[in-house]
Amino acid sequence: MENVMKVLSYNDVVVVKTLLFHGCMMRRNEIARGIGISRSSLSNTLRKLEENKVIEIDRTFRAHTVKLTDWFKSL
């Protein structure tokens, strides 16, 4: 996991550490409030993390749930 964390941007690391601290799953709006970045920055960060298979976003409900992938947790 540390090797992956080294190549992530600052916002990426903050999101991942926040998820790790809160049990690997949070709602998107909780992340935004917790780390204090703009919605657009958070959106870009989450999109990039999802593309890189670090997180999964469940868009089933209105409040999107973000969680770390099993692959990332297994590192």
N, C-alpha and C. Protein backbone atom coordinates (compact mmCIF):
# COMPACT_ATOMS: atom_id res chain seq x y z
N MET A 1 0.83 -1.19 0.00
CA MET A 1 0.00 0.00 0.00
C MET A 1 0.87 1.26 0.00
N GLU A 2 1.99 1.21 0.69
CA GLU A 2 2.85 2.38 0.77
C GLU A 2 3.40 2.78 -0.59
N ASN A 3 3.70 1.79 -1.44
CA ASN A 3 4.20 2.10 -2.78
C ASN A 3 3.15 2.84 -3.61
N VAL A 4 1.91 2.43 -3.48
CA VAL A 4 0.83 3.09 -4.21
C VAL A 4 0.64 4.51 -3.67
N MET A 5 0.70 4.66 -2.36
CA MET A 5 0.50 5.97 -1.75
C MET A 5 1.57 6.97 -2.21
N LYS A 6 2.76 6.49 -2.53
CA LYS A 6 3.84 7.37 -2.95
C LYS A 6 3.56 8.05 -4.29
N VAL A 7 2.77 7.42 -5.14
CA VAL A 7 2.51 7.98 -6.46
C VAL A 7 1.20 8.77 -6.53
N LEU A 8 0.47 8.81 -5.44
CA LEU A 8 -0.79 9.55 -5.42
C LEU A 8 -0.55 11.02 -5.13
N SER A 9 -1.47 11.86 -5.60
CA SER A 9 -1.38 13.29 -5.31
C SER A 9 -1.77 13.54 -3.86
N TYR A 10 -1.57 14.76 -3.42
CA TYR A 10 -1.90 15.13 -2.04
C TYR A 10 -3.38 14.86 -1.74
N ASN A 11 -4.28 15.33 -2.61
CA ASN A 11 -5.71 15.12 -2.39
C ASN A 11 -6.06 13.64 -2.39
N ASP A 12 -5.42 12.87 -3.26
CA ASP A 12 -5.66 11.42 -3.30
C ASP A 12 -5.32 10.79 -1.95
N VAL A 13 -4.17 11.15 -1.44
CA VAL A 13 -3.71 10.59 -0.17
C VAL A 13 -4.65 10.98 0.97
N VAL A 14 -5.09 12.23 0.97
CA VAL A 14 -6.00 12.69 2.02
C VAL A 14 -7.31 11.90 1.98
N VAL A 15 -7.84 11.68 0.78
CA VAL A 15 -9.08 10.91 0.65
C VAL A 15 -8.87 9.47 1.12
N VAL A 16 -7.79 8.85 0.69
CA VAL A 16 -7.53 7.45 1.07
C VAL A 16 -7.33 7.34 2.58
N LYS A 17 -6.56 8.24 3.16
CA LYS A 17 -6.34 8.19 4.61
C LYS A 17 -7.64 8.44 5.38
N THR A 18 -8.48 9.32 4.86
CA THR A 18 -9.77 9.57 5.50
C THR A 18 -10.63 8.32 5.46
N LEU A 19 -10.66 7.65 4.32
CA LEU A 19 -11.42 6.40 4.21
C LEU A 19 -10.86 5.33 5.15
N LEU A 20 -9.56 5.21 5.22
CA LEU A 20 -8.95 4.23 6.12
C LEU A 20 -9.32 4.52 7.57
N PHE A 21 -9.29 5.78 7.94
CA PHE A 21 -9.60 6.18 9.32
C PHE A 21 -11.06 5.89 9.68
N HIS A 22 -11.94 5.99 8.69
CA HIS A 22 -13.37 5.83 8.94
C HIS A 22 -13.90 4.46 8.50
N GLY A 23 -13.06 3.46 8.50
CA GLY A 23 -13.53 2.11 8.23
C GLY A 23 -13.66 1.76 6.76
N CYS A 24 -12.97 2.47 5.90
CA CYS A 24 -12.88 2.18 4.46
C CYS A 24 -14.15 2.48 3.67
N MET A 25 -15.15 3.10 4.29
CA MET A 25 -16.37 3.44 3.56
C MET A 25 -16.99 4.70 4.14
N MET A 26 -17.34 5.63 3.24
CA MET A 26 -17.98 6.88 3.65
C MET A 26 -18.87 7.38 2.53
N ARG A 27 -19.80 8.25 2.88
CA ARG A 27 -20.56 8.93 1.85
C ARG A 27 -19.72 10.07 1.29
N ARG A 28 -19.97 10.35 0.03
CA ARG A 28 -19.19 11.37 -0.67
C ARG A 28 -19.26 12.72 0.04
N ASN A 29 -20.44 13.11 0.51
CA ASN A 29 -20.57 14.41 1.17
C ASN A 29 -19.84 14.43 2.51
N GLU A 30 -19.73 13.30 3.17
CA GLU A 30 -18.97 13.23 4.43
C GLU A 30 -17.48 13.44 4.16
N ILE A 31 -17.00 12.89 3.07
CA ILE A 31 -15.60 13.08 2.71
C ILE A 31 -15.34 14.57 2.43
N ALA A 32 -16.22 15.18 1.67
CA ALA A 32 -16.05 16.60 1.33
C ALA A 32 -16.01 17.46 2.58
N ARG A 33 -16.93 17.22 3.50
CA ARG A 33 -16.94 17.99 4.75
C ARG A 33 -15.71 17.69 5.60
N GLY A 34 -15.31 16.44 5.62
CA GLY A 34 -14.21 16.03 6.48
C GLY A 34 -12.85 16.56 6.08
N ILE A 35 -12.62 16.68 4.77
CA ILE A 35 -11.29 17.10 4.34
C ILE A 35 -11.26 18.54 3.85
N GLY A 36 -12.42 19.13 3.64
CA GLY A 36 -12.48 20.55 3.32
C GLY A 36 -11.94 20.96 1.97
N ILE A 37 -12.15 20.14 0.94
CA ILE A 37 -11.77 20.57 -0.40
C ILE A 37 -13.05 20.84 -1.20
N SER A 38 -12.91 21.57 -2.27
CA SER A 38 -14.08 21.93 -3.07
C SER A 38 -14.70 20.69 -3.70
N ARG A 39 -15.97 20.82 -4.06
CA ARG A 39 -16.67 19.68 -4.67
C ARG A 39 -16.03 19.29 -6.00
N SER A 40 -15.58 20.27 -6.76
CA SER A 40 -14.96 19.95 -8.05
C SER A 40 -13.63 19.22 -7.86
N SER A 41 -12.84 19.66 -6.89
CA SER A 41 -11.57 18.97 -6.61
C SER A 41 -11.83 17.55 -6.12
N LEU A 42 -12.83 17.40 -5.26
CA LEU A 42 -13.17 16.07 -4.76
C LEU A 42 -13.65 15.19 -5.91
N SER A 43 -14.46 15.74 -6.78
CA SER A 43 -14.97 14.97 -7.92
C SER A 43 -13.82 14.47 -8.80
N ASN A 44 -12.88 15.35 -9.09
CA ASN A 44 -11.72 14.95 -9.90
C ASN A 44 -10.87 13.91 -9.19
N THR A 45 -10.69 14.09 -7.91
CA THR A 45 -9.90 13.15 -7.12
C THR A 45 -10.56 11.78 -7.09
N LEU A 46 -11.86 11.74 -6.84
CA LEU A 46 -12.57 10.47 -6.78
C LEU A 46 -12.59 9.78 -8.15
N ARG A 47 -12.75 10.56 -9.21
CA ARG A 47 -12.75 9.99 -10.56
C ARG A 47 -11.41 9.31 -10.84
N LYS A 48 -10.34 10.00 -10.49
CA LYS A 48 -9.00 9.45 -10.74
C LYS A 48 -8.75 8.20 -9.89
N LEU A 49 -9.14 8.25 -8.63
CA LEU A 49 -8.96 7.09 -7.76
C LEU A 49 -9.79 5.90 -8.25
N GLU A 50 -10.97 6.17 -8.75
CA GLU A 50 -11.82 5.09 -9.26
C GLU A 50 -11.21 4.50 -10.54
N GLU A 51 -10.70 5.33 -11.41
CA GLU A 51 -10.06 4.84 -12.64
C GLU A 51 -8.85 3.97 -12.32
N ASN A 52 -8.16 4.29 -11.23
CA ASN A 52 -6.97 3.54 -10.83
C ASN A 52 -7.28 2.38 -9.89
N LYS A 53 -8.56 2.08 -9.73
CA LYS A 53 -9.02 0.92 -8.94
C LYS A 53 -8.68 1.00 -7.46
N VAL A 54 -8.51 2.22 -6.96
CA VAL A 54 -8.25 2.41 -5.53
C VAL A 54 -9.56 2.46 -4.76
N ILE A 55 -10.59 3.06 -5.37
CA ILE A 55 -11.90 3.15 -4.72
C ILE A 55 -12.98 2.66 -5.66
N GLU A 56 -14.14 2.37 -5.07
CA GLU A 56 -15.36 2.09 -5.82
C GLU A 56 -16.41 3.09 -5.34
N ILE A 57 -17.21 3.57 -6.26
CA ILE A 57 -18.28 4.50 -5.90
C ILE A 57 -19.61 3.84 -6.23
N ASP A 58 -20.44 3.68 -5.20
CA ASP A 58 -21.78 3.12 -5.39
C ASP A 58 -22.73 4.28 -5.64
N ARG A 59 -23.20 4.37 -6.87
CA ARG A 59 -24.08 5.47 -7.27
C ARG A 59 -25.55 5.05 -7.27
N THR A 60 -25.87 3.97 -6.57
CA THR A 60 -27.23 3.44 -6.55
C THR A 60 -28.21 4.43 -5.93
N PHE A 61 -27.81 5.05 -4.86
CA PHE A 61 -28.69 5.97 -4.15
C PHE A 61 -28.24 7.40 -4.37
N ARG A 62 -29.05 8.31 -3.92
CA ARG A 62 -28.74 9.73 -4.10
C ARG A 62 -27.43 10.12 -3.43
N ALA A 63 -27.21 9.61 -2.23
CA ALA A 63 -25.94 9.86 -1.52
C ALA A 63 -24.96 8.76 -1.93
N HIS A 64 -23.99 9.11 -2.74
CA HIS A 64 -23.03 8.14 -3.24
C HIS A 64 -22.12 7.66 -2.12
N THR A 65 -21.89 6.36 -2.11
CA THR A 65 -21.01 5.76 -1.11
C THR A 65 -19.66 5.44 -1.76
N VAL A 66 -18.61 5.83 -1.09
CA VAL A 66 -17.25 5.62 -1.59
C VAL A 66 -16.57 4.62 -0.66
N LYS A 67 -15.94 3.61 -1.26
CA LYS A 67 -15.21 2.65 -0.43
C LYS A 67 -13.93 2.24 -1.12
N LEU A 68 -12.97 1.84 -0.31
CA LEU A 68 -11.71 1.34 -0.85
C LEU A 68 -11.95 -0.03 -1.48
N THR A 69 -11.28 -0.30 -2.57
CA THR A 69 -11.44 -1.59 -3.23
C THR A 69 -10.73 -2.69 -2.44
N ASP A 70 -11.18 -3.90 -2.65
CA ASP A 70 -10.52 -5.05 -2.02
C ASP A 70 -9.07 -5.15 -2.48
N TRP A 71 -8.83 -4.83 -3.75
CA TRP A 71 -7.47 -4.87 -4.28
C TRP A 71 -6.56 -3.93 -3.48
N PHE A 72 -7.01 -2.71 -3.27
CA PHE A 72 -6.19 -1.74 -2.55
C PHE A 72 -5.98 -2.17 -1.10
N LYS A 73 -7.03 -2.66 -0.46
CA LYS A 73 -6.92 -3.07 0.93
C LYS A 73 -5.99 -4.27 1.09
N SER A 74 -5.84 -5.07 0.04
CA SER A 74 -4.99 -6.26 0.13
C SER A 74 -3.51 -5.95 -0.04
N LEU A 75 -3.19 -4.74 -0.42
CA LEU A 75 -1.77 -4.38 -0.62
C LEU A 75 -1.01 -4.29 0.68
